[in-house]
Protein backbone atom coordinates (compact mmCIF):
# COMPACT_ATOMS: atom_id res chain seq x y z
CA MET A 1 20.95 -14.10 -28.98
CA PRO A 2 17.76 -13.74 -31.08
CA SER A 3 17.65 -14.85 -34.81
CA PRO A 4 18.47 -12.09 -37.18
CA PHE A 5 15.38 -13.37 -39.17
CA GLY A 6 12.80 -13.21 -36.37
CA GLY A 7 10.26 -10.31 -36.77
CA LEU A 8 11.07 -9.42 -40.53
CA THR A 9 8.46 -7.11 -42.06
CA SER A 10 10.49 -5.11 -44.42
CA ILE A 11 13.73 -6.11 -46.12
CA GLY A 12 15.81 -4.83 -48.90
CA VAL A 13 18.11 -6.84 -51.41
CA ASP A 14 20.66 -5.72 -53.65
CA GLU A 15 23.57 -7.24 -55.51
CA THR A 16 26.99 -5.51 -55.86
CA GLY A 17 30.31 -6.11 -57.60
CA TYR A 18 33.74 -6.63 -55.98
CA ARG A 19 37.03 -7.55 -57.38
CA LYS A 20 36.78 -4.79 -60.17
CA GLY A 21 33.48 -5.84 -61.08
CA HIS A 22 34.01 -9.68 -61.91
CA THR A 23 32.46 -11.24 -58.71
CA CYS A 24 29.02 -10.33 -57.15
CA ILE A 25 27.57 -10.73 -53.80
CA THR A 26 23.79 -10.42 -52.81
CA VAL A 27 22.95 -8.60 -49.63
CA VAL A 28 19.50 -8.77 -47.70
CA VAL A 29 18.89 -6.01 -45.14
CA ASP A 30 16.42 -5.68 -42.42
CA HIS A 31 14.98 -2.14 -42.96
CA GLU A 32 13.40 -2.17 -39.62
CA ARG A 33 16.59 -2.96 -37.53
CA HIS A 34 18.85 -1.06 -40.07
CA ARG A 35 21.39 -4.00 -40.58
CA ALA A 36 22.56 -6.56 -42.95
CA ILE A 37 20.95 -9.90 -42.05
CA TRP A 38 22.48 -11.89 -44.92
CA ALA A 39 24.83 -12.23 -47.84
CA HIS A 40 26.00 -14.87 -50.44
CA ASP A 41 28.26 -14.92 -53.46
CA GLY A 42 26.45 -14.48 -56.75
CA TYR A 43 23.04 -12.97 -57.77
CA GLY A 44 20.01 -13.74 -59.37
CA ARG A 45 16.76 -15.85 -58.71
CA ASP A 46 18.69 -18.88 -57.32
CA VAL A 47 20.92 -16.84 -54.84
CA PHE A 48 17.97 -15.01 -53.46
CA GLY A 49 15.83 -18.11 -53.46
CA LEU A 50 18.66 -19.38 -50.96
CA PHE A 51 17.96 -16.71 -48.43
CA PHE A 52 14.20 -17.53 -48.51
CA GLN A 53 15.06 -21.25 -47.86
CA THR A 54 16.72 -20.26 -44.50
CA LEU A 55 13.47 -18.79 -43.42
CA THR A 56 10.69 -20.68 -41.70
CA PRO A 57 7.10 -20.45 -43.36
CA GLU A 58 6.23 -18.07 -40.56
CA GLN A 59 9.17 -16.02 -41.05
CA ARG A 60 8.51 -15.55 -44.86
CA ALA A 61 4.62 -14.81 -44.08
CA SER A 62 5.82 -11.94 -41.83
CA ILE A 63 7.67 -10.00 -44.76
CA ARG A 64 5.26 -7.38 -46.15
CA VAL A 65 7.62 -5.30 -48.06
CA VAL A 66 10.57 -6.30 -50.46
CA ALA A 67 12.59 -3.17 -51.59
CA GLY A 68 15.17 -3.42 -54.36
CA ASP A 69 15.89 -2.46 -57.93
CA ARG A 70 13.73 -3.33 -60.78
CA ALA A 71 15.65 -6.77 -61.51
CA ARG A 72 12.90 -9.37 -62.61
CA TRP A 73 14.77 -12.17 -60.44
CA ILE A 74 13.59 -10.23 -57.33
CA ASP A 75 10.03 -10.19 -58.60
CA SER A 76 9.90 -13.79 -59.13
CA CYS A 77 11.56 -14.75 -55.87
CA VAL A 78 8.98 -12.47 -54.02
CA HIS A 79 6.04 -13.99 -55.90
CA GLU A 80 7.23 -17.45 -55.15
CA TRP A 81 8.36 -17.22 -51.53
CA CYS A 82 6.33 -14.31 -50.17
CA PRO A 83 3.28 -13.82 -52.25
CA ASN A 84 1.62 -11.23 -49.92
CA ALA A 85 4.53 -9.15 -49.98
CA GLU A 86 4.56 -5.95 -51.95
CA ARG A 87 7.40 -4.86 -53.96
CA ALA A 88 8.85 -1.39 -53.69
CA PRO A 89 11.92 0.48 -55.16
CA ASP A 90 14.45 1.19 -52.42
CA GLY A 91 15.53 4.99 -51.78
CA PHE A 92 18.98 4.38 -53.51
CA HIS A 93 17.65 3.43 -56.85
CA ILE A 94 14.88 6.08 -56.88
CA VAL A 95 17.57 8.71 -56.33
CA SER A 96 19.61 7.24 -59.09
CA TRP A 97 16.80 6.80 -61.52
CA THR A 98 15.41 10.30 -61.02
CA SER A 99 18.73 12.23 -60.64
CA GLY A 100 19.19 12.28 -64.38
CA ALA A 101 15.54 12.99 -65.31
CA PRO A 102 15.46 16.84 -65.51
CA ASP A 103 18.56 16.75 -68.09
CA ASN A 104 16.98 14.07 -70.13
CA PRO A 105 14.65 16.62 -72.14
CA ARG A 106 17.05 19.04 -72.36
CA LYS A 107 19.57 16.82 -73.82
CA GLN A 108 17.04 15.58 -76.48
CA GLN A 109 15.86 19.15 -77.56
CA LYS A 110 17.66 21.05 -80.50
CA PRO A 111 19.29 24.33 -79.84
CA LEU A 112 16.76 27.24 -80.44
CA PHE A 113 19.47 29.51 -81.93
CA CYS A 114 23.12 29.10 -83.11
CA ALA A 115 25.59 31.34 -82.01
CA ILE A 116 27.97 30.95 -85.01
CA PRO A 117 29.92 34.36 -85.96
């Protein structure tokens, strides 16, 4: 069986909570093969660093894109472990960040008229 870490070029990382939000897990996905390849309890720079420690230098060098949210711990890990990789927002977060954008200006404006009888 081939290694799930072989041929990685584009990965995504995100953390999610479970047990009513009190416990987090970090998940790394292979975007080319559309599957989860690594998961670990917790989140943050130290946990994501554990993923990179499982890779060989060649495997780390093959990663060109790391997608995720705007978490600084993702940026710092990518900078340390895959300095040639680009950081990109993932599709889920792009949609969530922009879905409320059309409403924001409308909510900030005062009404043009008041319909008080």
